[in-house]
């Protein structure tokens, strides 16, 4: 008997701006900890999900952390810029930066939704 269902998965993006564009080693080390052994691209995530028997795969990018966090990483080589440099944030700036990273396919997160029939 076959069972269907819907899969919703969120994973770190291998094309994250700080990894793929900037090449920040401290951020790479921070990202590749025990819970994140693999960082996916859209292509690798699609392949992984399809090989697991799912179809109708939709993958979108999502940016969790704003420009203030990235600037903090560049200067201090550690996280928490979105909190410690909160004065650099506005809703408009955060959204504009997220939109830019999305257009570049450089968001920090990928979210996939797929079905198994």
N, C-alpha and C. Protein backbone atom coordinates (compact mmCIF):
# COMPACT_ATOMS: atom_id res chain seq x y z
N UNK A 1 0.85 -1.18 0.00
CA UNK A 1 0.00 0.00 0.00
C UNK A 1 0.89 1.24 0.00
N UNK A 2 0.60 2.15 -0.90
CA UNK A 2 1.39 3.38 -0.99
C UNK A 2 0.72 4.50 -0.21
N UNK A 3 1.54 5.29 0.42
CA UNK A 3 1.05 6.44 1.17
C UNK A 3 1.57 7.71 0.52
N UNK A 4 0.71 8.69 0.46
CA UNK A 4 1.11 9.98 -0.08
C UNK A 4 1.40 10.95 1.04
N UNK A 5 1.77 12.13 0.67
CA UNK A 5 2.01 13.15 1.68
C UNK A 5 2.70 14.35 1.09
N UNK A 6 2.89 15.30 1.94
CA UNK A 6 3.56 16.53 1.54
C UNK A 6 4.82 16.69 2.40
N UNK A 7 5.89 17.09 1.76
CA UNK A 7 7.17 17.34 2.42
C UNK A 7 7.44 18.84 2.42
N UNK A 8 7.78 19.37 3.56
CA UNK A 8 8.23 20.75 3.68
C UNK A 8 9.57 20.69 4.39
N UNK A 9 10.59 21.19 3.73
CA UNK A 9 11.94 21.09 4.29
C UNK A 9 12.65 22.43 4.15
N UNK A 10 13.39 22.77 5.17
CA UNK A 10 14.18 24.01 5.18
C UNK A 10 15.63 23.63 5.45
N UNK A 11 16.54 24.12 4.59
CA UNK A 11 17.95 23.78 4.73
C UNK A 11 18.82 25.02 4.48
N UNK A 12 20.03 25.03 5.01
CA UNK A 12 20.97 26.11 4.67
C UNK A 12 21.33 26.05 3.19
N UNK A 13 21.53 27.20 2.60
CA UNK A 13 21.81 27.31 1.18
C UNK A 13 23.32 27.37 0.94
N UNK A 14 23.84 26.50 0.12
CA UNK A 14 25.27 26.48 -0.19
C UNK A 14 25.71 27.73 -0.94
N UNK A 15 24.74 28.43 -1.57
CA UNK A 15 25.09 29.65 -2.28
C UNK A 15 24.86 30.90 -1.43
N UNK A 16 24.77 30.71 -0.10
CA UNK A 16 24.66 31.84 0.83
C UNK A 16 25.69 32.89 0.44
N UNK A 17 25.30 34.15 0.48
CA UNK A 17 26.16 35.25 0.06
C UNK A 17 27.51 35.24 0.76
N UNK A 18 27.53 34.98 2.05
CA UNK A 18 28.80 34.99 2.80
C UNK A 18 29.68 33.79 2.46
N UNK A 19 29.09 32.73 1.96
CA UNK A 19 29.87 31.53 1.58
C UNK A 19 30.31 31.61 0.13
N UNK A 20 29.34 31.77 -0.76
CA UNK A 20 29.61 31.63 -2.19
C UNK A 20 30.20 32.89 -2.81
N UNK A 21 29.74 34.06 -2.44
CA UNK A 21 30.21 35.31 -3.05
C UNK A 21 31.41 35.89 -2.30
N UNK A 22 31.29 35.99 -0.98
CA UNK A 22 32.36 36.56 -0.17
C UNK A 22 33.45 35.54 0.14
N UNK A 23 33.06 34.28 0.37
CA UNK A 23 34.03 33.25 0.72
C UNK A 23 34.60 33.41 2.12
N UNK A 24 33.78 33.84 3.06
CA UNK A 24 34.22 34.10 4.43
C UNK A 24 34.43 32.79 5.19
N UNK A 25 35.68 32.43 5.42
CA UNK A 25 36.01 31.15 6.05
C UNK A 25 35.41 31.00 7.44
N UNK A 26 35.38 32.06 8.20
CA UNK A 26 34.79 31.99 9.55
C UNK A 26 33.31 31.65 9.48
N UNK A 27 32.62 32.19 8.48
CA UNK A 27 31.20 31.87 8.31
C UNK A 27 31.02 30.43 7.82
N UNK A 28 31.90 29.99 6.94
CA UNK A 28 31.84 28.59 6.48
C UNK A 28 31.97 27.64 7.67
N UNK A 29 32.95 27.88 8.52
CA UNK A 29 33.15 27.03 9.70
C UNK A 29 31.95 27.09 10.63
N UNK A 30 31.39 28.27 10.80
CA UNK A 30 30.21 28.44 11.64
C UNK A 30 29.02 27.68 11.07
N UNK A 31 28.88 27.68 9.75
CA UNK A 31 27.73 27.04 9.10
C UNK A 31 27.83 25.52 9.07
N UNK A 32 29.03 24.99 8.97
CA UNK A 32 29.21 23.54 8.84
C UNK A 32 29.43 22.88 10.20
N UNK A 33 28.47 23.02 11.07
CA UNK A 33 28.54 22.38 12.37
C UNK A 33 27.75 21.07 12.32
N UNK A 34 27.66 20.37 13.42
CA UNK A 34 27.13 19.01 13.43
C UNK A 34 25.72 18.88 12.88
N UNK A 35 24.89 19.90 12.97
CA UNK A 35 23.53 19.83 12.45
C UNK A 35 23.48 20.14 10.95
N UNK A 36 24.51 20.77 10.41
CA UNK A 36 24.53 21.18 9.00
C UNK A 36 25.73 20.55 8.29
N UNK A 37 25.69 19.25 8.14
CA UNK A 37 26.81 18.57 7.50
C UNK A 37 26.82 18.78 5.99
N UNK A 38 25.63 19.10 5.44
CA UNK A 38 25.50 19.31 4.00
C UNK A 38 24.79 20.62 3.78
N UNK A 39 25.32 21.45 2.91
CA UNK A 39 24.63 22.64 2.47
C UNK A 39 24.17 22.38 1.04
N UNK A 40 22.93 22.64 0.76
CA UNK A 40 22.37 22.33 -0.56
C UNK A 40 22.27 23.54 -1.46
N UNK A 41 22.37 23.27 -2.75
CA UNK A 41 21.96 24.22 -3.79
C UNK A 41 20.54 23.82 -4.18
N UNK A 42 19.90 24.63 -4.99
CA UNK A 42 18.57 24.25 -5.49
C UNK A 42 18.62 22.92 -6.23
N UNK A 43 19.68 22.74 -7.02
CA UNK A 43 19.81 21.53 -7.83
C UNK A 43 20.02 20.29 -6.95
N UNK A 44 20.91 20.38 -5.97
CA UNK A 44 21.17 19.20 -5.14
C UNK A 44 19.96 18.86 -4.27
N UNK A 45 19.25 19.88 -3.79
CA UNK A 45 18.06 19.63 -2.98
C UNK A 45 16.96 19.00 -3.83
N UNK A 46 16.78 19.51 -5.05
CA UNK A 46 15.77 18.94 -5.96
C UNK A 46 16.08 17.47 -6.26
N UNK A 47 17.33 17.17 -6.53
CA UNK A 47 17.74 15.79 -6.81
C UNK A 47 17.50 14.89 -5.60
N UNK A 48 17.89 15.33 -4.43
CA UNK A 48 17.70 14.58 -3.18
C UNK A 48 16.22 14.27 -2.95
N UNK A 49 15.37 15.27 -3.14
CA UNK A 49 13.94 15.09 -2.91
C UNK A 49 13.33 14.17 -3.97
N UNK A 50 13.69 14.36 -5.23
CA UNK A 50 13.15 13.52 -6.31
C UNK A 50 13.57 12.07 -6.13
N UNK A 51 14.84 11.83 -5.74
CA UNK A 51 15.31 10.46 -5.52
C UNK A 51 14.59 9.79 -4.35
N UNK A 52 13.98 10.60 -3.49
CA UNK A 52 13.22 10.08 -2.35
C UNK A 52 11.77 9.80 -2.72
N UNK A 53 11.43 9.96 -3.99
CA UNK A 53 10.11 9.62 -4.47
C UNK A 53 9.09 10.75 -4.47
N UNK A 54 9.54 11.97 -4.28
CA UNK A 54 8.62 13.11 -4.28
C UNK A 54 8.61 13.77 -5.65
N UNK A 55 7.50 14.44 -5.94
CA UNK A 55 7.36 15.17 -7.20
C UNK A 55 6.73 16.52 -6.90
N UNK A 56 6.40 17.28 -7.95
CA UNK A 56 5.85 18.62 -7.78
C UNK A 56 6.70 19.43 -6.79
N UNK A 57 7.98 19.43 -7.04
CA UNK A 57 8.94 20.06 -6.13
C UNK A 57 9.03 21.56 -6.42
N UNK A 58 8.80 22.35 -5.39
CA UNK A 58 8.92 23.80 -5.49
C UNK A 58 9.97 24.24 -4.46
N UNK A 59 11.01 24.90 -4.93
CA UNK A 59 12.09 25.35 -4.04
C UNK A 59 12.19 26.86 -4.14
N UNK A 60 12.19 27.51 -3.00
CA UNK A 60 12.32 28.97 -2.97
C UNK A 60 13.42 29.36 -1.99
N UNK A 61 14.01 30.51 -2.25
CA UNK A 61 15.02 31.05 -1.36
C UNK A 61 14.36 31.93 -0.30
N UNK A 62 14.96 31.95 0.86
CA UNK A 62 14.47 32.79 1.95
C UNK A 62 15.68 33.35 2.68
N UNK A 63 15.64 34.64 3.00
CA UNK A 63 16.75 35.27 3.70
C UNK A 63 16.35 35.54 5.15
N UNK A 64 16.99 34.86 6.08
CA UNK A 64 16.68 35.01 7.50
C UNK A 64 17.40 36.21 8.13
N UNK A 65 18.62 36.47 7.70
CA UNK A 65 19.44 37.46 8.38
C UNK A 65 19.67 38.68 7.49
N UNK A 66 19.59 39.87 8.07
CA UNK A 66 19.65 41.11 7.29
C UNK A 66 21.09 41.57 7.01
N UNK A 67 21.16 42.67 6.27
CA UNK A 67 22.44 43.27 5.92
C UNK A 67 23.29 43.57 7.15
N UNK A 68 22.67 44.04 8.23
CA UNK A 68 23.43 44.34 9.46
C UNK A 68 24.22 43.12 9.93
N UNK A 69 23.63 41.95 9.82
CA UNK A 69 24.32 40.73 10.23
C UNK A 69 25.51 40.44 9.32
N UNK A 70 25.32 40.62 8.00
CA UNK A 70 26.41 40.37 7.07
C UNK A 70 27.56 41.37 7.27
N UNK A 71 27.21 42.63 7.49
CA UNK A 71 28.26 43.62 7.75
C UNK A 71 29.04 43.27 9.02
N UNK A 72 28.33 42.83 10.04
CA UNK A 72 28.97 42.44 11.30
C UNK A 72 29.91 41.26 11.08
N UNK A 73 29.47 40.28 10.29
CA UNK A 73 30.34 39.14 9.97
C UNK A 73 31.61 39.62 9.27
N UNK A 74 31.48 40.53 8.32
CA UNK A 74 32.63 41.01 7.57
C UNK A 74 33.63 41.74 8.46
N UNK A 75 33.14 42.48 9.43
CA UNK A 75 34.02 43.26 10.31
C UNK A 75 34.54 42.42 11.47
N UNK A 76 33.67 41.65 12.11
CA UNK A 76 34.02 40.96 13.36
C UNK A 76 34.21 39.45 13.25
N UNK A 77 33.88 38.89 12.09
CA UNK A 77 34.05 37.45 11.84
C UNK A 77 33.26 36.57 12.81
N UNK A 78 32.08 37.06 13.23
CA UNK A 78 31.21 36.29 14.12
C UNK A 78 29.77 36.76 13.97
N UNK A 79 28.82 35.97 14.49
CA UNK A 79 27.41 36.27 14.31
C UNK A 79 26.88 37.33 15.28
N UNK A 80 25.59 37.54 15.19
CA UNK A 80 24.78 38.40 16.06
C UNK A 80 24.71 39.86 15.61
N UNK A 81 25.16 40.16 14.40
CA UNK A 81 25.07 41.52 13.91
C UNK A 81 23.66 42.04 13.81
N UNK A 82 22.70 41.15 13.54
CA UNK A 82 21.31 41.58 13.44
C UNK A 82 20.78 42.07 14.79
N UNK A 83 21.44 41.68 15.88
CA UNK A 83 21.06 42.13 17.22
C UNK A 83 21.97 43.27 17.67
N UNK A 84 23.28 43.04 17.58
CA UNK A 84 24.24 44.02 18.10
C UNK A 84 24.30 45.30 17.26
N UNK A 85 24.02 45.20 15.98
CA UNK A 85 23.99 46.37 15.12
C UNK A 85 22.56 46.65 14.63
N UNK A 86 21.62 46.42 15.49
CA UNK A 86 20.21 46.60 15.16
C UNK A 86 19.90 48.01 14.68
N UNK A 87 20.68 48.99 15.11
CA UNK A 87 20.45 50.38 14.71
C UNK A 87 20.65 50.58 13.21
N UNK A 88 21.28 49.62 12.52
CA UNK A 88 21.47 49.70 11.07
C UNK A 88 20.31 49.11 10.30
N UNK A 89 19.25 48.72 11.01
CA UNK A 89 18.15 48.02 10.36
C UNK A 89 16.91 48.89 10.23
N UNK A 90 16.25 48.74 9.09
CA UNK A 90 14.89 49.22 8.89
C UNK A 90 14.16 48.11 8.14
N UNK A 91 12.86 48.11 8.21
CA UNK A 91 12.09 47.10 7.48
C UNK A 91 12.36 47.20 5.98
N UNK A 92 12.44 48.44 5.48
CA UNK A 92 12.67 48.65 4.04
C UNK A 92 14.04 48.14 3.62
N UNK A 93 15.07 48.43 4.40
CA UNK A 93 16.41 47.96 4.08
C UNK A 93 16.50 46.44 4.15
N UNK A 94 15.95 45.87 5.21
CA UNK A 94 15.97 44.40 5.35
C UNK A 94 15.29 43.73 4.16
N UNK A 95 14.13 44.26 3.75
CA UNK A 95 13.39 43.67 2.63
C UNK A 95 14.12 43.86 1.31
N UNK A 96 14.68 45.04 1.10
CA UNK A 96 15.43 45.30 -0.14
C UNK A 96 16.64 44.37 -0.24
N UNK A 97 17.34 44.17 0.87
CA UNK A 97 18.51 43.29 0.86
C UNK A 97 18.09 41.84 0.61
N UNK A 98 17.01 41.40 1.25
CA UNK A 98 16.50 40.04 1.03
C UNK A 98 16.09 39.86 -0.43
N UNK A 99 15.46 40.87 -1.02
CA UNK A 99 15.06 40.79 -2.43
C UNK A 99 16.27 40.70 -3.35
N UNK A 100 17.31 41.48 -3.05
CA UNK A 100 18.53 41.43 -3.84
C UNK A 100 19.17 40.04 -3.78
N UNK A 101 19.31 39.51 -2.57
CA UNK A 101 19.92 38.18 -2.43
C UNK A 101 19.07 37.11 -3.11
N UNK A 102 17.78 37.26 -3.08
CA UNK A 102 16.90 36.32 -3.77
C UNK A 102 17.14 36.37 -5.28
N UNK A 103 17.24 37.57 -5.84
CA UNK A 103 17.51 37.70 -7.28
C UNK A 103 18.86 37.09 -7.65
N UNK A 104 19.83 37.17 -6.74
CA UNK A 104 21.16 36.61 -6.98
C UNK A 104 21.23 35.12 -6.67
N UNK A 105 20.14 34.54 -6.17
CA UNK A 105 20.11 33.17 -5.67
C UNK A 105 21.20 32.96 -4.61
N UNK A 106 21.30 33.94 -3.69
CA UNK A 106 22.31 33.91 -2.64
C UNK A 106 21.71 34.04 -1.25
N UNK A 107 20.47 33.59 -1.08
CA UNK A 107 19.83 33.63 0.23
C UNK A 107 20.49 32.64 1.16
N UNK A 108 20.25 32.78 2.46
CA UNK A 108 20.87 31.87 3.43
C UNK A 108 20.10 30.58 3.61
N UNK A 109 18.87 30.52 3.11
CA UNK A 109 18.00 29.38 3.35
C UNK A 109 17.27 28.98 2.08
N UNK A 110 17.06 27.67 1.91
CA UNK A 110 16.19 27.16 0.86
C UNK A 110 15.02 26.45 1.53
N UNK A 111 13.84 26.66 0.98
CA UNK A 111 12.64 25.99 1.48
C UNK A 111 12.03 25.22 0.31
N UNK A 112 11.82 23.93 0.52
CA UNK A 112 11.25 23.08 -0.53
C UNK A 112 9.92 22.52 -0.05
N UNK A 113 8.98 22.48 -0.99
CA UNK A 113 7.69 21.83 -0.76
C UNK A 113 7.51 20.83 -1.90
N UNK A 114 7.19 19.59 -1.56
CA UNK A 114 7.02 18.55 -2.56
C UNK A 114 5.90 17.61 -2.12
N UNK A 115 5.45 16.79 -3.06
CA UNK A 115 4.37 15.84 -2.79
C UNK A 115 4.79 14.44 -3.16
N UNK A 116 4.22 13.51 -2.46
CA UNK A 116 4.38 12.10 -2.80
C UNK A 116 2.97 11.55 -2.97
N UNK A 117 2.71 11.03 -4.13
CA UNK A 117 1.34 10.51 -4.40
C UNK A 117 1.31 9.00 -4.35
